[in-house]
Amino acid sequence: MKNILLIALFCAFLISCNNKQAETQADGLSGDLIIFHAGSLSVPFKEISSAFKKEYPGVNILLEAAGSRTCARKITDLEKDCDIMASADYSVIDQLLIPDYASWNIKFASNEMAIVYTEKSKFHEKINQDNWIDILLNEEVIYGRSDPDSDPCGYRAVLTMKLAEKHYERPGLADSLKAKNKNYIRPKETDLLGLLESGNIDYIFLYRSVAKQHGLKHLLLPDEINLKNPELISLYNTAKVEISGKKPGEKITKQGEPMVYGITIINNAPNKEAALKFVEFLLKKDYGMKIMEKNGQPSIVPTKCENYGAVPLELKEFVKEWNNAVMQ
């Protein structure tokens, strides 16, 4: 009886394996899927990848996080293989990848800047929207931010400082904040989390979503500063920062604007079929975007797309034609 039971279990196991193989063959998806993405997408993309794997078990997803501009340069300068690039700032794809390395760019989520801290942070019990500037400038306090040349969160931190200077009518504020604690600038914003949680630094200019995902305390900033509100684009545009361009020594000017994430598939993607399925999965309301929303990065799908004609047919439902939108 025992032997019969073991044989039955073994047969059931073989049937299960064969079914999985059949599913993989039926959907036609297999192999590595290489995704370069912003550090602030690490938590939701890990969850989305796990959900995607349940649907397409033959795909091996390789997630690689870095500052968005660093991600782009891995493609353009280092010529690393990549299928999908997801940026914390859609304009990184426009400026560094299109048209040579990518053909289209879909905007899919939003965010906002916040001041993030823990119970170890000096003066954490006192910080509010009226005094956060003085607390960060206090000699006893150490704050961190990411590198503007590597990471959108870095230049957004500087833009936030410049908008705060105007909002609070504090001339010279942005320069004072930029000059302080330069030793605590890191390539991407998530590199600072360990320093914050260990108490080596007190505060970080960081995305609200990252604070939420890691259970960290955070101070919400006024809409006039936080780069969240699309209705304040004209105000955000008044703040500018210079960052590195495509070529060594080249500089480009980045204007303030509402935070918008972008995603594309690289022109020479090694696994384009799996990449298309992943992006489609990500952008669906009840699949990837539900996970994004849960992690504090609200969906903005569907949005206007300047490269509408180049967007694959499978993804057209997630975008609006730019020209038609402008003409209305």
C-alpha atoms as a PDB file:
ATOM      1  CA  MET A   1       0.000   0.000   0.000  1.00  0.00           C
ATOM      2  CA  LYS A   2       2.829   2.346   0.921  1.00  0.00           C
ATOM      3  CA  ASN A   3       4.608   1.666  -2.399  1.00  0.00           C
ATOM      4  CA  ILE A   4       1.401   2.315  -4.357  1.00  0.00           C
ATOM      5  CA  LEU A   5       0.983   5.666  -2.573  1.00  0.00           C
ATOM      6  CA  LEU A   6       4.576   6.678  -3.354  1.00  0.00           C
ATOM      7  CA  ILE A   7       4.140   5.759  -7.010  1.00  0.00           C
ATOM      8  CA  ALA A   8       0.917   7.798  -7.173  1.00  0.00           C
ATOM      9  CA  LEU A   9       2.627  10.823  -5.641  1.00  0.00           C
ATOM     10  CA  PHE A  10       5.558  10.520  -8.040  1.00  0.00           C
ATOM     11  CA  CYS A  11       3.195  10.338 -11.020  1.00  0.00           C
ATOM     12  CA  ALA A  12       1.340  13.421  -9.780  1.00  0.00           C
ATOM     13  CA  PHE A  13       4.661  15.249  -9.498  1.00  0.00           C
ATOM     14  CA  LEU A  14       5.608  14.339 -13.087  1.00  0.00           C
ATOM     15  CA  ILE A  15       2.220  15.469 -14.371  1.00  0.00           C
ATOM     16  CA  SER A  16       2.621  18.796 -12.539  1.00  0.00           C
ATOM     17  CA  CYS A  17       6.078  19.342 -14.052  1.00  0.00           C
ATOM     18  CA  ASN A  18       4.811  18.482 -17.522  1.00  0.00           C
ATOM     19  CA  ASN A  19       1.906  20.894 -17.116  1.00  0.00           C
ATOM     20  CA  LYS A  20       4.274  23.692 -16.168  1.00  0.00           C
ATOM     21  CA  GLN A  21       6.472  22.938 -19.159  1.00  0.00           C
ATOM     22  CA  ALA A  22       3.403  22.937 -21.398  1.00  0.00           C
ATOM     23  CA  GLU A  23       2.329  26.322 -20.026  1.00  0.00           C
ATOM     24  CA  THR A  24       5.773  27.767 -20.712  1.00  0.00           C
ATOM     25  CA  GLN A  25       5.796  26.362 -24.226  1.00  0.00           C
ATOM     26  CA  ALA A  26       2.234  27.600 -24.821  1.00  0.00           C
ATOM     27  CA  ASP A  27       2.969  31.192 -23.868  1.00  0.00           C
ATOM     28  CA  GLY A  28       6.285  31.043 -25.706  1.00  0.00           C
ATOM     29  CA  LEU A  29       8.101  33.048 -23.042  1.00  0.00           C
ATOM     30  CA  SER A  30      11.381  31.918 -21.541  1.00  0.00           C
ATOM     31  CA  GLY A  31      14.948  33.058 -20.930  1.00  0.00           C
ATOM     32  CA  ASP A  32      16.376  36.016 -19.054  1.00  0.00           C
ATOM     33  CA  LEU A  33      14.518  39.331 -18.855  1.00  0.00           C
ATOM     34  CA  ILE A  34      16.921  42.140 -17.890  1.00  0.00           C
ATOM     35  CA  ILE A  35      15.365  45.193 -16.239  1.00  0.00           C
ATOM     36  CA  PHE A  36      17.326  48.306 -15.260  1.00  0.00           C
ATOM     37  CA  HIS A  37      15.267  50.439 -12.915  1.00  0.00           C
ATOM     38  CA  ALA A  38      15.359  53.368 -10.513  1.00  0.00           C
ATOM     39  CA  GLY A  39      16.167  52.558  -6.892  1.00  0.00           C
ATOM     40  CA  SER A  40      12.772  53.868  -5.810  1.00  0.00           C
ATOM     41  CA  LEU A  41      11.130  51.115  -7.900  1.00  0.00           C
ATOM     42  CA  SER A  42      12.969  48.280  -6.116  1.00  0.00           C
ATOM     43  CA  VAL A  43      10.143  47.250  -3.777  1.00  0.00           C
ATOM     44  CA  PRO A  44       7.211  47.376  -6.227  1.00  0.00           C
ATOM     45  CA  PHE A  45       9.198  45.840  -9.093  1.00  0.00           C
ATOM     46  CA  LYS A  46      10.227  42.911  -6.909  1.00  0.00           C
ATOM     47  CA  GLU A  47       6.557  42.293  -6.097  1.00  0.00           C
ATOM     48  CA  ILE A  48       5.466  42.758  -9.705  1.00  0.00           C
ATOM     49  CA  SER A  49       8.176  40.370 -10.882  1.00  0.00           C
ATOM     50  CA  SER A  50       6.972  37.692  -8.442  1.00  0.00           C
ATOM     51  CA  ALA A  51       3.400  38.086  -9.705  1.00  0.00           C
ATOM     52  CA  PHE A  52       4.587  37.997 -13.336  1.00  0.00           C
ATOM     53  CA  LYS A  53       6.568  34.792 -12.690  1.00  0.00           C
ATOM     54  CA  LYS A  54       3.385  33.043 -11.595  1.00  0.00           C
ATOM     55  CA  GLU A  55       1.882  33.802 -15.004  1.00  0.00           C
ATOM     56  CA  TYR A  56       5.079  33.147 -16.994  1.00  0.00           C
ATOM     57  CA  PRO A  57       7.254  30.697 -15.029  1.00  0.00           C
ATOM     58  CA  GLY A  58       9.714  30.220 -17.886  1.00  0.00           C
ATOM     59  CA  VAL A  59      11.020  33.793 -17.631  1.00  0.00           C
ATOM     60  CA  ASN A  60      14.010  34.518 -15.387  1.00  0.00           C
ATOM     61  CA  ILE A  61      13.724  38.178 -14.319  1.00  0.00           C
ATOM     62  CA  LEU A  62      16.986  39.977 -13.544  1.00  0.00           C
ATOM     63  CA  LEU A  63      16.358  43.249 -11.705  1.00  0.00           C
ATOM     64  CA  GLU A  64      19.195  45.788 -11.505  1.00  0.00           C
ATOM     65  CA  ALA A  65      18.622  48.970  -9.483  1.00  0.00           C
ATOM     66  CA  ALA A  66      20.602  52.210  -9.812  1.00  0.00           C
ATOM     67  CA  GLY A  67      20.022  55.920 -10.206  1.00  0.00           C
ATOM     68  CA  SER A  68      17.944  56.411 -13.360  1.00  0.00           C
ATOM     69  CA  ARG A  69      20.666  58.333 -15.199  1.00  0.00           C
ATOM     70  CA  THR A  70      23.197  55.671 -14.221  1.00  0.00           C
ATOM     71  CA  CYS A  71      20.827  53.030 -15.615  1.00  0.00           C
ATOM     72  CA  ALA A  72      20.687  54.894 -18.919  1.00  0.00           C
ATOM     73  CA  ARG A  73      24.470  55.204 -19.096  1.00  0.00           C
ATOM     74  CA  LYS A  74      24.890  51.458 -18.593  1.00  0.00           C
ATOM     75  CA  ILE A  75      23.041  51.153 -21.889  1.00  0.00           C
ATOM     76  CA  THR A  76      24.610  54.053 -23.791  1.00  0.00           C
ATOM     77  CA  ASP A  77      28.185  54.109 -22.461  1.00  0.00           C
ATOM     78  CA  LEU A  78      28.813  50.581 -21.198  1.00  0.00           C
ATOM     79  CA  GLU A  79      26.650  48.910 -23.879  1.00  0.00           C
ATOM     80  CA  LYS A  80      25.244  46.432 -21.359  1.00  0.00           C
ATOM     81  CA  ASP A  81      22.430  44.128 -22.449  1.00  0.00           C
ATOM     82  CA  CYS A  82      19.063  45.389 -21.249  1.00  0.00           C
ATOM     83  CA  ASP A  83      15.441  44.672 -22.149  1.00  0.00           C
ATOM     84  CA  ILE A  84      13.509  47.234 -20.099  1.00  0.00           C
ATOM     85  CA  MET A  85      14.522  50.578 -18.611  1.00  0.00           C
ATOM     86  CA  ALA A  86      12.247  52.124 -15.958  1.00  0.00           C
ATOM     87  CA  SER A  87      13.152  55.628 -14.833  1.00  0.00           C
ATOM     88  CA  ALA A  88      12.058  57.714 -11.847  1.00  0.00           C
ATOM     89  CA  ASP A  89      11.995  60.640 -14.290  1.00  0.00           C
ATOM     90  CA  TYR A  90      10.504  59.983 -17.720  1.00  0.00           C
ATOM     91  CA  SER A  91      12.698  62.704 -19.250  1.00  0.00           C
ATOM     92  CA  VAL A  92      15.855  60.616 -18.635  1.00  0.00           C
ATOM     93  CA  ILE A  93      14.590  58.220 -21.312  1.00  0.00           C
ATOM     94  CA  ASP A  94      13.757  61.103 -23.650  1.00  0.00           C
ATOM     95  CA  GLN A  95      17.105  62.842 -23.174  1.00  0.00           C
ATOM     96  CA  LEU A  96      19.551  59.922 -22.954  1.00  0.00           C
ATOM     97  CA  LEU A  97      17.966  56.977 -24.801  1.00  0.00           C
ATOM     98  CA  ILE A  98      15.636  58.236 -27.548  1.00  0.00           C
ATOM     99  CA  PRO A  99      16.125  57.861 -30.506  1.00  0.00           C
ATOM    100  CA  ASP A 100      19.362  55.843 -30.611  1.00  0.00           C
ATOM    101  CA  TYR A 101      18.583  53.264 -27.928  1.00  0.00           C
ATOM    102  CA  ALA A 102      14.790  53.405 -27.531  1.00  0.00           C
ATOM    103  CA  SER A 103      11.849  54.558 -29.651  1.00  0.00           C
ATOM    104  CA  TRP A 104       9.076  55.337 -27.174  1.00  0.00           C
ATOM    105  CA  ASN A 105       8.427  56.242 -23.547  1.00  0.00           C
ATOM    106  CA  ILE A 106       5.306  55.516 -21.490  1.00  0.00           C
ATOM    107  CA  LYS A 107       4.610  57.599 -18.373  1.00  0.00           C
ATOM    108  CA  PHE A 108       3.077  55.382 -15.716  1.00  0.00           C
ATOM    109  CA  ALA A 109       3.316  56.613 -12.099  1.00  0.00           C
ATOM    110  CA  SER A 110       3.884  59.639  -9.881  1.00  0.00           C
ATOM    111  CA  ASN A 111       5.468  60.460  -6.518  1.00  0.00           C
ATOM    112  CA  GLU A 112       6.463  63.400  -4.303  1.00  0.00           C
ATOM    113  CA  MET A 113       9.459  64.660  -2.344  1.00  0.00           C
ATOM    114  CA  ALA A 114       9.479  64.404   1.456  1.00  0.00           C
ATOM    115  CA  ILE A 115      11.876  64.792   4.378  1.00  0.00           C
ATOM    116  CA  VAL A 116      12.458  61.291   5.784  1.00  0.00           C
ATOM    117  CA  TYR A 117      13.717  60.456   9.266  1.00  0.00           C
ATOM    118  CA  THR A 118      13.532  58.014  12.197  1.00  0.00           C
ATOM    119  CA  GLU A 119      13.095  58.221  15.962  1.00  0.00           C
ATOM    120  CA  LYS A 120      16.912  58.408  16.195  1.00  0.00           C
ATOM    121  CA  SER A 121      16.960  61.665  14.201  1.00  0.00           C
ATOM    122  CA  LYS A 122      17.852  64.801  16.163  1.00  0.00           C
ATOM    123  CA  PHE A 123      14.839  67.047  16.783  1.00  0.00           C
ATOM    124  CA  HIS A 124      12.494  64.544  15.131  1.00  0.00           C
ATOM    125  CA  GLU A 125       9.816  65.281  17.711  1.00  0.00           C
ATOM    126  CA  LYS A 126       9.776  68.960  16.715  1.00  0.00           C
ATOM    127  CA  ILE A 127      10.091  68.956  12.928  1.00  0.00           C
ATOM    128  CA  ASN A 128       7.178  70.403  10.934  1.00  0.00           C
ATOM    129  CA  GLN A 129       6.448  72.313   7.714  1.00  0.00           C
ATOM    130  CA  ASP A 130       7.446  75.602   9.358  1.00  0.00           C
ATOM    131  CA  ASN A 131      10.810  74.677  10.908  1.00  0.00           C
ATOM    132  CA  TRP A 132      12.299  71.854   8.799  1.00  0.00           C
ATOM    133  CA  ILE A 133      14.703  74.233   7.062  1.00  0.00           C
ATOM    134  CA  ASP A 134      16.227  75.450  10.323  1.00  0.00           C
ATOM    135  CA  ILE A 135      16.490  71.900  11.617  1.00  0.00           C
ATOM    136  CA  LEU A 136      18.361  70.715   8.496  1.00  0.00           C
ATOM    137  CA  LEU A 137      20.681  73.734   8.701  1.00  0.00           C
ATOM    138  CA  ASN A 138      21.408  73.107  12.391  1.00  0.00           C
ATOM    139  CA  GLU A 139      25.100  72.241  12.902  1.00  0.00           C
ATOM    140  CA  GLU A 140      24.149  69.232  15.057  1.00  0.00           C
ATOM    141  CA  VAL A 141      22.079  67.718  12.254  1.00  0.00           C
ATOM    142  CA  ILE A 142      23.381  65.672   9.308  1.00  0.00           C
ATOM    143  CA  TYR A 143      21.209  65.181   6.248  1.00  0.00           C
ATOM    144  CA  GLY A 144      21.768  63.185   3.067  1.00  0.00           C
ATOM    145  CA  ARG A 145      20.726  63.381  -0.578  1.00  0.00           C
ATOM    146  CA  SER A 146      21.590  61.611  -3.799  1.00  0.00           C
ATOM    147  CA  ASP A 147      23.854  62.802  -6.620  1.00  0.00           C
ATOM    148  CA  PRO A 148      22.018  65.027  -9.141  1.00  0.00           C
ATOM    149  CA  ASP A 149      24.209  63.720 -11.990  1.00  0.00           C
ATOM    150  CA  SER A 150      23.301  60.095 -11.235  1.00  0.00           C
ATOM    151  CA  ASP A 151      19.807  60.134  -9.838  1.00  0.00           C
ATOM    152  CA  PRO A 152      16.576  62.107 -10.424  1.00  0.00           C
ATOM    153  CA  CYS A 153      15.971  62.160  -6.665  1.00  0.00           C
ATOM    154  CA  GLY A 154      19.243  64.099  -6.392  1.00  0.00           C
ATOM    155  CA  TYR A 155      18.271  66.908  -8.737  1.00  0.00           C
ATOM    156  CA  ARG A 156      14.723  66.878  -7.410  1.00  0.00           C
ATOM    157  CA  ALA A 157      16.152  67.509  -3.938  1.00  0.00           C
ATOM    158  CA  VAL A 158      17.942  70.605  -5.288  1.00  0.00           C
ATOM    159  CA  LEU A 159      14.780  71.743  -7.103  1.00  0.00           C
ATOM    160  CA  THR A 160      12.868  71.309  -3.851  1.00  0.00           C
ATOM    161  CA  MET A 161      15.422  73.517  -2.078  1.00  0.00           C
ATOM    162  CA  LYS A 162      15.045  76.225  -4.733  1.00  0.00           C
ATOM    163  CA  LEU A 163      11.260  76.112  -4.556  1.00  0.00           C
ATOM    164  CA  ALA A 164      11.456  76.291  -0.754  1.00  0.00           C
ATOM    165  CA  GLU A 165      13.653  79.390  -1.009  1.00  0.00           C
ATOM    166  CA  LYS A 166      10.875  81.119  -2.949  1.00  0.00           C
ATOM    167  CA  HIS A 167       7.967  79.689  -0.924  1.00  0.00           C
ATOM    168  CA  TYR A 168       9.407  80.634   2.468  1.00  0.00           C
ATOM    169  CA  GLU A 169      10.990  83.864   1.166  1.00  0.00           C
ATOM    170  CA  ARG A 170      14.462  82.851   2.392  1.00  0.00           C
ATOM    171  CA  PRO A 171      17.077  84.290  -0.051  1.00  0.00           C
ATOM    172  CA  GLY A 172      20.216  82.114  -0.281  1.00  0.00           C
ATOM    173  CA  LEU A 173      18.471  79.098   1.277  1.00  0.00           C
ATOM    174  CA  ALA A 174      19.174  76.680  -1.574  1.00  0.00           C
ATOM    175  CA  ASP A 175      22.891  77.491  -1.622  1.00  0.00           C
ATOM    176  CA  SER A 176      23.114  77.054   2.158  1.00  0.00           C
ATOM    177  CA  LEU A 177      21.445  73.648   2.016  1.00  0.00           C
ATOM    178  CA  LYS A 178      23.549  72.490  -0.959  1.00  0.00           C
ATOM    179  CA  ALA A 179      26.761  73.506   0.801  1.00  0.00           C
ATOM    180  CA  LYS A 180      25.955  71.474   3.921  1.00  0.00           C
ATOM    181  CA  ASN A 181      26.839  67.794   4.473  1.00  0.00           C
ATOM    182  CA  LYS A 182      28.335  67.182   1.012  1.00  0.00           C
ATOM    183  CA  ASN A 183      30.046  64.068   2.381  1.00  0.00           C
ATOM    184  CA  TYR A 184      26.626  62.432   2.556  1.00  0.00           C
ATOM    185  CA  ILE A 185      25.773  62.578  -1.152  1.00  0.00           C
ATOM    186  CA  ARG A 186      25.311  59.079  -2.620  1.00  0.00           C
ATOM    187  CA  PRO A 187      24.748  57.687  -6.169  1.00  0.00           C
ATOM    188  CA  LYS A 188      21.090  56.869  -5.535  1.00  0.00           C
ATOM    189  CA  GLU A 189      18.589  57.735  -2.845  1.00  0.00           C
ATOM    190  CA  THR A 190      18.173  54.209  -1.497  1.00  0.00           C
ATOM    191  CA  ASP A 191      21.935  54.084  -0.736  1.00  0.00           C
ATOM    192  CA  LEU A 192      21.191  56.449   2.154  1.00  0.00           C
ATOM    193  CA  LEU A 193      18.664  54.254   3.945  1.00  0.00           C
ATOM    194  CA  GLY A 194      21.263  52.242   5.881  1.00  0.00           C
ATOM    195  CA  LEU A 195      22.923  55.447   7.118  1.00  0.00           C
ATOM    196  CA  LEU A 196      19.558  56.780   8.241  1.00  0.00           C
ATOM    197  CA  GLU A 197      18.416  53.629   9.999  1.00  0.00           C
ATOM    198  CA  SER A 198      21.774  53.254  11.783  1.00  0.00           C
ATOM    199  CA  GLY A 199      21.581  56.853  13.035  1.00  0.00           C
ATOM    200  CA  ASN A 200      24.657  58.054  11.101  1.00  0.00           C
ATOM    201  CA  ILE A 201      22.503  60.671   9.404  1.00  0.00           C
ATOM    202  CA  ASP A 202      19.331  62.309  10.667  1.00  0.00           C
ATOM    203  CA  TYR A 203      17.299  63.179   7.569  1.00  0.00           C
ATOM    204  CA  ILE A 204      17.110  62.457   3.831  1.00  0.00           C
ATOM    205  CA  PHE A 205      15.502  64.262   0.919  1.00  0.00           C
ATOM    206  CA  LEU A 206      13.608  61.246  -0.394  1.00  0.00           C
ATOM    207  CA  TYR A 207      10.504  60.084  -2.217  1.00  0.00           C
ATOM    208  CA  ARG A 208       7.414  59.608  -0.095  1.00  0.00           C
ATOM    209  CA  SER A 209       6.921  56.140  -1.607  1.00  0.00           C
ATOM    210  CA  VAL A 210      10.319  54.907  -0.364  1.00  0.00           C
ATOM    211  CA  ALA A 211       9.521  56.144   3.138  1.00  0.00           C
ATOM    212  CA  LYS A 212       6.200  54.299   3.034  1.00  0.00           C
ATOM    213  CA  GLN A 213       7.742  51.092   1.684  1.00  0.00           C
ATOM    214  CA  HIS A 214      10.373  51.034   4.444  1.00  0.00           C
ATOM    215  CA  GLY A 215       8.090  52.125   7.281  1.00  0.00           C
ATOM    216  CA  LEU A 216      10.011  55.358   7.886  1.00  0.00           C
ATOM    217  CA  LYS A 217       8.740  58.569   9.410  1.00  0.00           C
ATOM    218  CA  HIS A 218       8.437  61.431   6.951  1.00  0.00           C
ATOM    219  CA  LEU A 219       7.430  65.052   6.778  1.00  0.00           C
ATOM    220  CA  LEU A 220       5.094  65.969   3.938  1.00  0.00           C
ATOM    221  CA  LEU A 221       5.991  69.242   2.252  1.00  0.00           C
ATOM    222  CA  PRO A 222       3.649  71.879   0.794  1.00  0.00           C
ATOM    223  CA  ASP A 223       2.520  71.240  -2.783  1.00  0.00           C
ATOM    224  CA  GLU A 224       4.396  74.393  -3.819  1.00  0.00           C
ATOM    225  CA  ILE A 225       7.610  72.501  -2.987  1.00  0.00           C
ATOM    226  CA  ASN A 226       7.019  68.747  -3.274  1.00  0.00           C
ATOM    227  CA  LEU A 227       6.849  68.418  -7.101  1.00  0.00           C
ATOM    228  CA  LYS A 228       3.603  66.469  -6.805  1.00  0.00           C
ATOM    229  CA  ASN A 229       0.809  68.674  -8.130  1.00  0.00           C
ATOM    230  CA  PRO A 230       0.378  68.799 -11.963  1.00  0.00           C
ATOM    231  CA  GLU A 231      -1.564  72.071 -11.600  1.00  0.00           C
ATOM    232  CA  LEU A 232       1.586  73.773 -10.276  1.00  0.00           C
ATOM    233  CA  ILE A 233       3.792  72.972 -13.266  1.00  0.00           C
ATOM    234  CA  SER A 234       4.319  76.675 -14.051  1.00  0.00           C
ATOM    235  CA  LEU A 235       5.606  77.264 -10.524  1.00  0.00           C
ATOM    236  CA  TYR A 236       7.817  74.158 -10.616  1.00  0.00           C
ATOM    237  CA  ASN A 237       9.271  75.298 -13.952  1.00  0.00           C
ATOM    238  CA  THR A 238      10.741  78.397 -12.253  1.00  0.00           C
ATOM    239  CA  ALA A 239      13.298  76.184 -10.462  1.00  0.00           C
ATOM    240  CA  LYS A 240      16.256  74.966 -12.529  1.00  0.00           C
ATOM    241  CA  VAL A 241      19.386  72.903 -11.950  1.00  0.00           C
ATOM    242  CA  GLU A 242      22.342  72.016 -14.193  1.00  0.00           C
ATOM    243  CA  ILE A 243      23.199  68.333 -14.566  1.00  0.00           C
ATOM    244  CA  SER A 244      25.547  66.333 -16.796  1.00  0.00           C
ATOM    245  CA  GLY A 245      24.498  65.685 -20.394  1.00  0.00           C
ATOM    246  CA  LYS A 246      25.024  62.824 -22.854  1.00  0.00           C
ATOM    247  CA  LYS A 247      28.687  63.594 -23.502  1.00  0.00           C
ATOM    248  CA  PRO A 248      31.542  64.092 -21.000  1.00  0.00           C
ATOM    249  CA  GLY A 249      31.701  67.728 -19.930  1.00  0.00           C
ATOM    250  CA  GLU A 250      28.309  68.527 -21.451  1.00  0.00           C
ATOM    251  CA  LYS A 251      25.692  70.171 -19.217  1.00  0.00           C
ATOM    252  CA  ILE A 252      21.924  70.306 -19.564  1.00  0.00           C
ATOM    253  CA  THR A 253      19.417  72.374 -17.610  1.00  0.00           C
ATOM    254  CA  LYS A 254      16.698  70.492 -15.763  1.00  0.00           C
ATOM    255  CA  GLN A 255      13.510  72.406 -14.933  1.00  0.00           C
ATOM    256  CA  GLY A 256      11.239  71.547 -12.067  1.00  0.00           C
ATOM    257  CA  GLU A 257       8.096  69.657 -13.054  1.00  0.00           C
ATOM    258  CA  PRO A 258       5.623  67.196 -11.501  1.00  0.00           C
ATOM    259  CA  MET A 259       7.189  63.793 -10.780  1.00  0.00           C
ATOM    260  CA  VAL A 260       6.471  61.255 -13.498  1.00  0.00           C
ATOM    261  CA  TYR A 261       8.024  57.808 -13.963  1.00  0.00           C
ATOM    262  CA  GLY A 262       8.696  56.460 -17.467  1.00  0.00           C
ATOM    263  CA  ILE A 263       9.331  53.039 -18.973  1.00  0.00           C
ATOM    264  CA  THR A 264      10.595  51.780 -22.339  1.00  0.00           C
ATOM    265  CA  ILE A 265      11.885  48.671 -24.080  1.00  0.00           C
ATOM    266  CA  ILE A 266      15.381  48.992 -25.509  1.00  0.00           C
ATOM    267  CA  ASN A 267      15.591  48.790 -29.323  1.00  0.00           C
ATOM    268  CA  ASN A 268      17.990  45.834 -29.304  1.00  0.00           C
ATOM    269  CA  ALA A 269      16.406  44.098 -26.297  1.00  0.00           C
ATOM    270  CA  PRO A 270      17.623  40.453 -26.183  1.00  0.00           C
ATOM    271  CA  ASN A 271      14.190  39.221 -25.011  1.00  0.00           C
ATOM    272  CA  LYS A 272      11.734  41.638 -26.603  1.00  0.00           C
ATOM    273  CA  GLU A 273       8.733  39.303 -26.452  1.00  0.00           C
ATOM    274  CA  ALA A 274       9.022  38.802 -22.682  1.00  0.00           C
ATOM    275  CA  ALA A 275       9.725  42.525 -22.262  1.00  0.00           C
ATOM    276  CA  LEU A 276       6.459  43.414 -24.016  1.00  0.00           C
ATOM    277  CA  LYS A 277       4.496  41.048 -21.801  1.00  0.00           C
ATOM    278  CA  PHE A 278       6.125  42.444 -18.663  1.00  0.00           C
ATOM    279  CA  VAL A 279       5.400  46.074 -19.559  1.00  0.00           C
ATOM    280  CA  GLU A 280       1.818  45.134 -20.444  1.00  0.00           C
ATOM    281  CA  PHE A 281       1.503  43.324 -17.092  1.00  0.00           C
ATOM    282  CA  LEU A 282       2.964  46.321 -15.248  1.00  0.00           C
ATOM    283  CA  LEU A 283       0.586  48.830 -16.832  1.00  0.00           C
ATOM    284  CA  LYS A 284      -2.639  46.881 -16.254  1.00  0.00           C
ATOM    285  CA  LYS A 285      -4.819  48.430 -13.565  1.00  0.00           C
ATOM    286  CA  ASP A 286      -5.516  45.206 -11.655  1.00  0.00           C
ATOM    287  CA  TYR A 287      -1.994  43.808 -11.958  1.00  0.00           C
ATOM    288  CA  GLY A 288       1.200  45.892 -11.865  1.00  0.00           C
ATOM    289  CA  MET A 289      -0.427  49.263 -11.259  1.00  0.00           C
ATOM    290  CA  LYS A 290      -2.340  47.872  -8.293  1.00  0.00           C
ATOM    291  CA  ILE A 291       1.012  46.934  -6.744  1.00  0.00           C
ATOM    292  CA  MET A 292       2.470  50.361  -7.603  1.00  0.00           C
ATOM    293  CA  GLU A 293      -0.482  52.098  -5.920  1.00  0.00           C
ATOM    294  CA  LYS A 294      -0.096  49.946  -2.812  1.00  0.00           C
ATOM    295  CA  ASN A 295       3.540  51.037  -2.579  1.00  0.00           C
ATOM    296  CA  GLY A 296       2.755  54.758  -2.690  1.00  0.00           C
ATOM    297  CA  GLN A 297       3.329  55.401  -6.399  1.00  0.00           C
ATOM    298  CA  PRO A 298      -0.058  56.384  -7.887  1.00  0.00           C
ATOM    299  CA  SER A 299      -0.915  55.363 -11.439  1.00  0.00           C
ATOM    300  CA  ILE A 300      -1.211  58.011 -14.151  1.00  0.00           C
ATOM    301  CA  VAL A 301      -2.099  55.503 -16.885  1.00  0.00           C
ATOM    302  CA  PRO A 302      -3.190  56.293 -19.563  1.00  0.00           C
ATOM    303  CA  THR A 303      -1.137  59.399 -20.352  1.00  0.00           C
ATOM    304  CA  LYS A 304      -0.173  61.435 -23.409  1.00  0.00           C
ATOM    305  CA  CYS A 305       2.733  59.977 -25.364  1.00  0.00           C
ATOM    306  CA  GLU A 306       4.952  62.019 -27.679  1.00  0.00           C
ATOM    307  CA  ASN A 307       6.108  58.815 -29.411  1.00  0.00           C
ATOM    308  CA  TYR A 308       2.609  57.350 -29.814  1.00  0.00           C
ATOM    309  CA  GLY A 309       3.283  56.080 -33.330  1.00  0.00           C
ATOM    310  CA  ALA A 310       6.265  54.026 -32.158  1.00  0.00           C
ATOM    311  CA  VAL A 311       4.470  52.413 -29.198  1.00  0.00           C
ATOM    312  CA  PRO A 312       3.865  48.674 -29.818  1.00  0.00           C
ATOM    313  CA  LEU A 313       0.266  47.755 -30.630  1.00  0.00           C
ATOM    314  CA  GLU A 314       0.048  45.646 -27.452  1.00  0.00           C
ATOM    315  CA  LEU A 315       0.650  48.793 -25.355  1.00  0.00           C
ATOM    316  CA  LYS A 316      -1.487  51.352 -27.215  1.00  0.00           C
ATOM    317  CA  GLU A 317      -4.323  51.099 -24.689  1.00  0.00           C
ATOM    318  CA  PHE A 318      -2.044  52.571 -22.002  1.00  0.00           C
ATOM    319  CA  VAL A 319      -1.262  55.812 -23.853  1.00  0.00           C
ATOM    320  CA  LYS A 320      -3.044  58.756 -25.464  1.00  0.00           C
ATOM    321  CA  GLU A 321      -1.979  60.249 -28.759  1.00  0.00           C
ATOM    322  CA  TRP A 322       0.025  63.419 -28.077  1.00  0.00           C
ATOM    323  CA  ASN A 323      -0.970  65.414 -31.172  1.00  0.00           C
ATOM    324  CA  ASN A 324      -4.674  64.896 -30.650  1.00  0.00           C
ATOM    325  CA  ALA A 325      -4.353  65.953 -27.013  1.00  0.00           C
ATOM    326  CA  VAL A 326      -2.530  69.147 -28.010  1.00  0.00           C
ATOM    327  CA  MET A 327      -5.111  70.046 -30.643  1.00  0.00           C
ATOM    328  CA  GLN A 328      -8.097  69.709 -28.276  1.00  0.00           C
END
